[in-house]
Protein backbone atom coordinates (compact mmCIF):
# COMPACT_ATOMS: atom_id res chain seq x y z
CA MET A 1 104.18 99.47 -74.90
CA LYS A 2 102.36 99.83 -72.15
CA PRO A 3 103.55 101.99 -69.70
CA PRO A 4 104.65 101.28 -66.16
CA ARG A 5 102.16 101.33 -63.19
CA LYS A 6 102.59 104.54 -61.27
CA LEU A 7 104.88 103.81 -58.10
CA SER A 8 103.76 107.13 -56.58
CA LYS A 9 100.32 108.31 -55.54
CA ARG A 10 101.61 111.81 -55.98
CA LYS A 11 102.36 112.49 -59.91
CA LEU A 12 104.14 115.95 -60.48
CA SER A 13 102.86 118.30 -63.15
CA PRO A 14 105.69 119.57 -65.71
CA VAL A 15 105.19 123.18 -63.74
CA THR A 16 105.90 121.40 -60.52
CA THR A 17 108.76 119.32 -61.76
CA ALA A 18 110.60 122.23 -63.06
CA ILE A 19 110.21 123.68 -59.53
CA VAL A 20 111.79 120.45 -58.18
CA LEU A 21 114.63 121.13 -60.28
CA ILE A 22 114.71 124.56 -59.24
CA ALA A 23 115.16 124.17 -55.90
CA VAL A 24 117.69 120.94 -56.68
CA LEU A 25 119.94 121.83 -59.09
CA GLY A 26 120.34 125.81 -58.39
CA ALA A 27 122.98 127.15 -61.08
CA VAL A 28 122.26 124.65 -63.74
CA LEU A 29 118.50 125.09 -63.72
CA TYR A 30 118.32 127.22 -66.71
CA VAL A 31 119.54 124.22 -68.98
CA TYR A 32 117.05 121.78 -67.27
CA THR A 33 113.90 123.84 -66.69
CA LYS A 34 114.19 124.79 -70.77
CA GLY A 35 113.97 121.17 -71.62
CA LEU A 36 111.02 120.29 -69.19
CA LEU A 37 109.17 123.29 -70.13
CA GLY A 38 109.61 122.73 -73.89
CA GLU A 39 109.76 126.15 -75.13
CA LYS A 40 108.59 126.33 -78.59
CA LYS A 41 108.25 128.85 -81.41
CA ALA A 42 104.92 129.99 -82.23
CA GLY A 43 102.69 127.36 -84.31
CA GLY A 44 103.80 124.86 -82.27
CA ALA A 45 107.62 124.26 -84.12
CA PRO A 46 110.29 123.47 -81.71
CA MET A 47 113.03 125.99 -81.10
CA GLY A 48 116.20 125.60 -82.62
CA GLY A 49 115.35 124.73 -86.25
CA GLY A 50 116.73 121.56 -88.01
CA ALA A 51 116.87 120.01 -91.40
CA GLY A 52 113.56 121.39 -92.00
CA PRO A 53 111.75 123.37 -94.56
CA GLN A 54 113.59 124.04 -98.27
CA GLY A 55 116.14 126.95 -97.78
CA GLN A 56 117.39 126.14 -94.40
CA PRO A 57 121.23 125.36 -93.99
CA ILE A 58 121.79 121.85 -93.06
CA PRO A 59 122.80 121.73 -89.55
CA PRO A 60 126.21 119.93 -88.15
CA ARG A 61 125.74 116.18 -87.36
CA GLY A 62 127.35 113.77 -85.50
CA LEU A 63 129.94 110.94 -86.88
CA PRO A 64 127.93 108.07 -89.24
CA ASP A 65 130.37 105.53 -87.43
CA ALA A 66 129.34 106.42 -83.84
CA LEU A 67 126.45 104.14 -83.45
CA ALA A 68 124.10 105.29 -80.64
CA SER A 69 121.91 102.61 -78.99
CA THR A 70 119.73 102.24 -75.74
CA VAL A 71 121.20 100.03 -73.19
CA ALA A 72 118.41 100.44 -70.32
CA GLY A 73 115.30 102.04 -69.68
CA TYR A 74 112.89 103.57 -72.36
CA ARG A 75 111.21 107.03 -72.65
CA GLU A 76 108.30 106.39 -70.11
CA PRO A 77 109.77 107.48 -66.68
CA GLY A 78 109.22 104.95 -63.58
CA LEU A 79 111.19 102.92 -60.96
CA VAL A 80 111.10 99.19 -62.40
CA ASP A 81 114.18 97.17 -61.92
CA GLY A 82 114.69 94.62 -64.80
CA LYS A 83 116.78 93.90 -67.72
CA GLY A 84 117.44 96.62 -70.67
CA TRP A 85 114.34 98.15 -72.03
CA GLU A 86 112.08 96.59 -69.27
CA ALA A 87 113.78 98.54 -66.69
CA ARG A 88 112.64 102.17 -65.84
CA PHE A 89 114.50 105.29 -64.62
CA ASN A 90 113.11 108.92 -64.06
CA GLY A 91 115.74 111.45 -64.57
CA PRO A 92 119.02 109.82 -64.50
CA ALA A 93 121.35 112.76 -63.78
CA GLY A 94 124.81 110.96 -63.33
CA ILE A 95 126.21 108.07 -64.17
CA ALA A 96 129.87 106.02 -63.61
CA ALA A 97 131.64 102.97 -64.55
CA GLY A 98 132.96 100.36 -61.93
CA PRO A 99 135.78 98.07 -62.19
CA ASP A 100 133.92 95.24 -63.86
CA GLY A 101 132.12 97.41 -66.36
CA SER A 102 128.96 97.98 -64.21
CA LEU A 103 127.35 101.48 -64.61
CA PHE A 104 126.31 103.37 -61.34
CA VAL A 105 123.53 105.83 -62.27
CA ALA A 106 122.23 108.51 -59.66
CA ASP A 107 118.13 108.39 -60.89
CA GLY A 108 117.66 111.93 -59.86
CA ARG A 109 113.77 112.02 -59.64
CA ASN A 110 113.59 108.62 -58.20
CA HIS A 111 115.97 109.53 -55.36
CA ARG A 112 117.58 106.12 -56.10
CA LEU A 113 121.14 104.93 -57.04
CA ARG A 114 120.76 102.27 -59.92
CA ARG A 115 123.20 99.53 -60.98
CA VAL A 116 123.20 98.46 -64.69
CA ALA A 117 125.30 95.41 -64.83
CA PRO A 118 127.20 94.24 -68.03
CA ASP A 119 124.38 92.04 -69.26
CA THR A 120 121.95 95.12 -69.18
CA THR A 121 120.04 94.16 -66.07
CA VAL A 122 119.41 97.00 -63.60
CA THR A 123 118.90 97.02 -59.94
CA THR A 124 118.14 99.39 -57.15
CA ILE A 125 121.20 99.52 -54.76
CA ALA A 126 120.63 102.36 -52.67
CA GLY A 127 117.42 104.56 -51.85
CA SER A 128 113.93 104.17 -50.40
CA GLY A 129 110.67 106.40 -50.01
CA PRO A 130 108.47 107.75 -52.48
CA ALA A 131 109.84 108.11 -56.05
CA ASP A 132 109.21 111.42 -57.68
CA SER A 133 108.43 113.75 -54.93
CA LEU A 134 109.18 116.71 -53.28
CA PRO A 135 111.24 116.89 -51.10
CA GLY A 136 113.02 113.51 -51.07
CA GLY A 137 114.53 112.35 -47.91
CA PHE A 138 117.29 111.94 -45.85
CA ALA A 139 118.59 109.23 -43.75
CA ASP A 140 122.30 107.29 -43.62
CA GLY A 141 121.96 103.40 -42.76
CA PRO A 142 121.38 100.38 -44.69
CA ALA A 143 121.21 100.78 -48.58
CA ASP A 144 117.74 99.79 -48.73
CA ARG A 145 116.26 102.09 -45.90
CA ALA A 146 118.47 105.04 -46.70
CA ARG A 147 117.05 108.41 -47.85
CA LEU A 148 118.30 110.34 -50.91
CA PHE A 149 117.00 113.80 -52.71
CA ASN A 150 117.93 114.12 -56.16
CA PRO A 151 121.41 112.55 -56.36
CA SER A 152 123.63 113.57 -59.42
CA GLY A 153 127.11 113.46 -59.94
CA VAL A 154 128.96 109.92 -59.24
CA ALA A 155 132.27 108.47 -58.93
CA VAL A 156 133.42 105.00 -58.30
CA GLY A 157 136.57 104.12 -55.94
CA PRO A 158 139.10 101.35 -56.60
CA ASP A 159 137.51 99.40 -54.00
CA GLY A 160 133.90 99.77 -55.42
CA SER A 161 132.79 102.47 -52.98
CA ILE A 162 130.42 104.88 -54.96
CA TYR A 163 130.70 108.36 -54.02
CA PHE A 164 127.81 110.83 -54.95
CA ALA A 165 126.48 114.24 -54.67
CA ASP A 166 123.16 114.06 -52.97
CA SER A 167 122.22 117.47 -54.53
CA GLY A 168 118.72 117.97 -52.68
CA ASN A 169 120.44 117.39 -49.24
CA HIS A 170 123.72 119.46 -50.00
CA ARG A 171 126.00 116.59 -49.22
CA VAL A 172 128.55 114.34 -50.45
CA ARG A 173 127.80 110.69 -49.58
CA CYS A 174 129.06 107.24 -50.24
CA LEU A 175 127.59 103.85 -50.60
CA LYS A 176 129.91 100.97 -49.27
CA ASP A 177 129.43 97.69 -48.15
CA LEU A 178 125.40 98.13 -48.26
CA MET A 179 125.60 101.01 -46.14
CA VAL A 180 125.00 104.76 -46.89
CA THR A 181 127.02 107.34 -44.99
CA THR A 182 127.60 110.97 -45.09
CA VAL A 183 131.30 111.99 -46.32
CA ALA A 184 130.90 115.55 -45.77
CA GLY A 185 128.13 117.96 -45.24
CA SER A 186 125.39 119.31 -42.71
CA ALA A 187 122.03 120.04 -42.06
CA THR A 188 120.95 123.58 -42.92
CA GLU A 189 117.93 125.51 -42.62
CA LYS A 190 114.68 124.61 -44.45
CA ASP A 191 112.50 126.35 -46.59
CA GLU A 192 108.47 126.45 -46.37
CA SER A 193 108.27 123.19 -48.45
CA GLY A 194 110.61 121.22 -46.42
CA CYS A 195 113.78 121.48 -48.63
CA GLU A 196 117.11 122.33 -46.90
CA GLN A 197 118.31 125.68 -48.70
CA GLY A 198 122.16 124.73 -48.22
CA GLY A 199 124.85 126.79 -47.13
CA TYR A 200 128.62 127.38 -47.43
CA ARG A 201 131.31 126.47 -44.82
CA ASP A 202 134.77 124.95 -45.11
CA GLY A 203 136.37 123.07 -42.20
CA PRO A 204 135.60 119.60 -40.63
CA ALA A 205 133.58 117.55 -42.88
CA ALA A 206 130.56 116.82 -40.37
CA THR A 207 129.95 120.87 -40.08
CA ALA A 208 130.86 121.77 -43.49
CA GLN A 209 128.08 123.00 -45.60
CA PHE A 210 127.53 122.87 -49.47
CA ARG A 211 124.56 124.26 -51.78
CA PHE A 212 123.38 121.68 -54.49
CA PRO A 213 126.69 119.85 -55.10
CA THR A 214 126.45 118.28 -58.49
CA GLY A 215 129.77 116.82 -59.47
CA VAL A 216 132.27 114.61 -57.78
CA ALA A 217 135.64 113.40 -59.05
CA LEU A 218 138.28 111.14 -57.04
CA ALA A 219 141.94 111.83 -56.94
CA PRO A 220 144.66 109.51 -56.73
CA ASP A 221 145.41 110.48 -53.21
CA GLY A 222 141.91 109.65 -52.09
CA SER A 223 140.71 113.27 -51.69
CA ILE A 224 137.52 113.98 -53.53
CA TRP A 225 136.75 116.85 -55.90
CA VAL A 226 133.10 118.53 -55.42
CA ALA A 227 131.43 120.91 -57.84
CA ASP A 228 129.45 123.14 -55.51
CA ALA A 229 127.31 124.48 -58.21
CA GLY A 230 125.17 126.56 -55.87
CA ASN A 231 127.94 128.37 -54.33
CA ARG A 232 129.97 128.52 -57.66
CA LYS A 233 132.75 126.81 -56.32
CA ILE A 234 135.31 123.85 -56.46
CA ARG A 235 135.59 122.25 -52.93
CA ARG A 236 137.73 119.40 -51.67
CA ILE A 237 137.47 116.84 -49.20
CA ALA A 238 140.71 115.75 -47.88
CA GLY A 239 140.41 113.15 -44.97
CA ASP A 240 138.17 115.09 -42.48
CA ALA A 241 138.49 118.56 -43.81
CA VAL A 242 136.52 120.35 -46.51
CA SER A 243 138.44 123.20 -48.44
CA THR A 244 137.56 125.93 -51.13
CA VAL A 245 140.21 125.52 -54.12
CA ALA A 246 140.87 128.73 -55.91
CA ALA A 247 139.63 128.58 -59.28
CA PRO A 248 138.86 132.50 -60.62
CA GLY A 249 136.93 132.45 -63.79
CA LEU A 250 134.40 129.69 -63.14
CA LYS A 251 130.68 130.65 -63.28
CA GLN A 252 128.82 127.43 -62.62
CA PRO A 253 130.97 124.34 -62.03
CA VAL A 254 128.89 121.28 -62.68
CA GLY A 255 130.47 118.19 -63.91
CA LEU A 256 134.06 117.07 -62.91
CA ALA A 257 136.43 114.40 -64.23
CA LEU A 258 140.10 113.69 -64.00
CA GLY A 259 141.60 114.80 -67.01
CA PRO A 260 145.45 114.32 -68.80
CA GLY A 261 148.29 114.61 -66.17
CA GLY A 262 145.95 114.31 -63.17
CA ALA A 263 144.47 118.10 -64.39
CA LEU A 264 140.59 118.52 -63.10
CA ALA A 265 138.29 118.89 -66.15
CA ILE A 266 135.25 120.94 -65.30
CA ALA A 267 132.21 121.34 -67.33
CA ASP A 268 130.77 125.32 -66.72
CA PRO A 269 127.47 125.35 -68.59
CA GLY A 270 127.74 128.86 -67.27
CA ALA A 271 130.66 130.20 -68.80
CA GLY A 272 130.08 127.55 -72.16
CA VAL A 273 133.33 126.31 -71.24
CA VAL A 274 135.09 122.90 -70.17
CA TRP A 275 138.18 123.90 -68.09
CA MET A 276 141.23 122.10 -67.13
CA LEU A 277 142.53 123.00 -63.78
CA ALA A 278 146.21 121.72 -63.09
CA PRO A 279 147.41 120.75 -59.42
CA GLY A 280 147.94 124.40 -58.09
CA GLY A 281 147.51 126.51 -60.99
CA LYS A 282 144.47 128.31 -62.66
CA PRO A 283 141.65 126.92 -64.51
CA THR A 284 142.69 127.26 -68.44
CA PRO A 285 139.91 126.23 -71.35
CA ALA A 286 140.33 123.05 -72.90
CA ALA A 287 140.64 122.95 -76.90
CA ARG A 288 138.66 125.17 -78.36
CA GLY A 289 139.39 124.17 -82.03
CA GLY A 290 136.74 122.01 -83.96
CA LEU A 291 133.15 122.51 -82.77
CA PRO A 292 133.16 122.85 -78.96
CA PRO A 293 130.41 122.22 -76.40
CA LYS A 294 127.97 124.88 -75.67
CA THR A 295 126.48 124.11 -72.24
CA PRO A 296 128.67 121.08 -71.17
CA LEU A 297 126.87 119.11 -68.21
CA GLY A 298 128.97 116.28 -67.69
CA LEU A 299 132.43 114.73 -68.75
CA CYS A 300 134.90 111.95 -68.33
CA ALA A 301 138.14 110.80 -70.30
CA LEU A 302 138.01 107.93 -72.43
CA ALA A 303 139.21 104.73 -71.26
CA ALA A 304 140.96 104.02 -74.79
CA ASP A 305 142.60 107.54 -74.56
CA PRO A 306 143.00 109.76 -71.51
CA ASN A 307 143.78 112.41 -73.20
CA THR A 308 140.39 112.80 -74.87
CA LEU A 309 137.26 114.30 -73.02
CA ALA A 310 133.71 112.96 -73.61
CA VAL A 311 131.29 115.90 -72.93
CA VAL A 312 127.60 115.99 -72.85
CA ASP A 313 125.83 119.04 -74.18
CA GLY A 314 122.57 119.65 -72.03
CA GLU A 315 121.07 122.50 -73.96
CA TRP A 316 121.93 121.41 -77.47
CA SER A 317 121.38 117.51 -76.34
CA VAL A 318 124.44 116.49 -78.04
CA VAL A 319 127.74 114.45 -76.96
CA HIS A 320 131.11 116.10 -77.95
CA LEU A 321 134.69 114.62 -78.06
CA VAL A 322 137.32 117.12 -76.77
CA GLY A 323 140.91 116.39 -77.60
CA ARG A 324 144.55 118.04 -77.22
CA SER A 325 143.69 120.15 -80.30
CA THR A 326 140.35 120.12 -81.48
CA SER A 327 136.69 118.98 -80.57
CA VAL A 328 134.01 117.17 -82.77
CA LEU A 329 130.48 116.62 -82.60
CA LEU A 330 130.28 112.61 -82.08
CA ALA A 331 126.29 112.27 -81.85
CA GLY A 332 123.54 114.42 -82.33
CA GLU A 333 122.38 117.46 -84.28
CA LEU A 334 122.78 121.21 -83.68
CA PRO A 335 120.98 123.14 -83.14
CA ALA A 336 119.22 120.66 -81.00
CA ALA A 337 115.54 120.32 -82.89
CA PRO A 338 112.82 119.34 -82.19
CA MET A 339 113.22 119.72 -78.46
CA LEU A 340 112.83 116.24 -76.08
CA ASN A 341 113.79 113.74 -78.70
CA PHE A 342 114.77 110.10 -78.75
CA ARG A 343 116.49 107.98 -81.71
CA ASP A 344 118.81 105.35 -81.91
CA GLY A 345 121.27 105.07 -84.95
CA GLY A 346 124.58 106.73 -86.39
CA GLY A 347 125.95 109.37 -84.50
CA HIS A 348 124.53 111.78 -87.37
CA GLU A 349 120.78 110.18 -86.63
CA ALA A 350 120.76 110.07 -82.92
CA TRP A 351 118.56 112.24 -80.62
CA PHE A 352 119.16 112.79 -77.15
CA ALA A 353 117.14 115.08 -74.50
CA TRP A 354 119.14 116.88 -72.01
CA PRO A 355 121.75 114.37 -71.55
CA CYS A 356 123.31 114.99 -68.11
CA GLY A 357 126.18 112.43 -67.44
CA VAL A 358 128.82 110.50 -69.38
CA ALA A 359 130.96 107.35 -68.61
CA SER A 360 133.55 105.21 -70.73
CA VAL A 361 134.02 101.72 -70.98
CA ASP A 362 136.37 100.17 -73.55
CA ASP A 363 135.43 101.89 -76.83
CA ARG A 364 132.12 102.93 -75.65
CA LEU A 365 130.57 105.77 -74.15
CA TYR A 366 127.34 105.76 -72.03
CA VAL A 367 125.30 108.63 -71.56
CA ALA A 368 122.77 109.19 -68.72
CA ASP A 369 119.92 110.82 -71.00
CA TYR A 370 117.93 112.67 -68.62
CA GLU A 371 114.78 113.47 -70.29
CA ASN A 372 114.55 110.17 -72.03
CA ASN A 373 115.01 108.31 -68.64
CA CYS A 374 117.37 105.99 -69.96
CA ILE A 375 121.07 104.97 -70.63
CA ARG A 376 122.33 105.16 -73.96
CA ALA A 377 125.64 103.70 -75.46
CA ILE A 378 127.61 105.41 -78.30
CA THR A 379 130.52 103.43 -79.89
CA VAL A 380 133.47 105.82 -80.48
CA PRO A 381 135.11 105.59 -83.96
CA PRO A 382 138.85 105.10 -83.77
CA ASN A 383 139.05 107.95 -86.62
CA TRP A 384 137.12 110.23 -84.59
CA ALA A 385 139.23 113.22 -85.40
CA ALA A 386 139.28 112.92 -88.95
CA PRO A 387 137.08 115.59 -90.60
CA PRO A 388 133.46 113.99 -91.10
CA PRO A 389 131.87 114.06 -94.52
CA PRO A 390 129.56 116.77 -94.96
CA PRO A 391 126.27 115.99 -94.27
CA GLU A 392 123.11 115.12 -97.02
CA ALA A 393 120.10 116.78 -96.95
CA GLY A 394 117.15 114.89 -95.72
CA PRO A 395 113.32 115.08 -95.38
CA PRO A 396 111.81 117.42 -92.74
CA ARG A 397 112.55 116.15 -89.45
CA ARG A 398 110.24 113.46 -87.53
CA GLY A 399 110.44 112.81 -84.01
CA TRP A 400 108.51 112.71 -80.59
CA ARG A 401 107.86 116.15 -79.42
CA THR A 402 107.30 115.19 -75.64
CA ARG A 403 107.56 112.55 -73.62
CA GLY A 404 104.51 110.08 -74.15
CA GLU A 405 103.56 111.35 -77.32
CA GLU A 406 103.61 109.09 -80.52
CA ASN A 407 105.99 109.53 -83.18
CA ARG A 408 104.60 112.42 -85.72
CA SER A 409 105.41 114.82 -88.38
CA GLU A 410 107.01 117.96 -87.81
CA ASP A 411 105.74 119.97 -91.05
């Protein structure tokens, strides 16, 4: 497939891209930069091992009945609207489902919001200016003229309003009626590259400050929960005021979702834990039985079972299901190897590359596969909690080593 024409005259090198992510994603940059730089063992073998040379243990794999497929986008980065694989993304970092089954994607490195319709047609719904550039920009106003800077977490309100964490601009913003407005956050000092550095201040929404907010979740009362990753805090926007929620024990809150009983589920890759924060309580770990996530980045409640959370693990590039008493590996392979991989198929065959967000519609999960620049779908089998059969030994892995290279042997 011929790669799309470059949309920006300024093409970032891998090193510059890593620097962008360091500036924008703050507390979670360890996960992203490891994936971007593609750290490998001597001799070119990717880190993490896998079903490789004879004598190595067979790694845990996802469920064969969990079928993974690519819905929109395909490997090569770009900014192209279109249907299914014709569309192009560049670092999709967050995803949420709308009432009609549409998916709303924070297309991070393109500084855009995108919509994936139920028929897989992708359109750009907010954002303008150069894509894949540092810095992005900031401007409220009509959606096609608004400026964003590395948007990440997304949430959709009952009226169709789209709330998103504009990470690089250190603000929480909203797209409604084709207009982008700032919900909370204000300007902070800039560094020598022109990027705002963020800050920390509670109080009126118009003067409050955040540092690299990455996750948002909407409460039934209309308030907005915010994972303020750079400040390592949970913030709450209620009316025109921003406050900090007492949540001791958090290290790097990144992803948010409403869980069972109205509790707030928090993806904390720094602690390697999915926390549950009940109203007025303290964070407690979600189910630790089974095979828990190592570096959770994004999560959501299953549409068919709100007591179960789907969790994407960025560093290991897999997808978990976390129930009341146990968790299972739904799709992918542990540990992730080779680095930066792509493959559709059963859950035991599928490969991802730094998935960052997940949304649920009916019996399917939709994953923002960050480094593969696409949106993936996973069918959740109804018997997911049953113990899977032991994996069978297979031939040495074959896969894409880095974005843009052809399929090649790993031996």
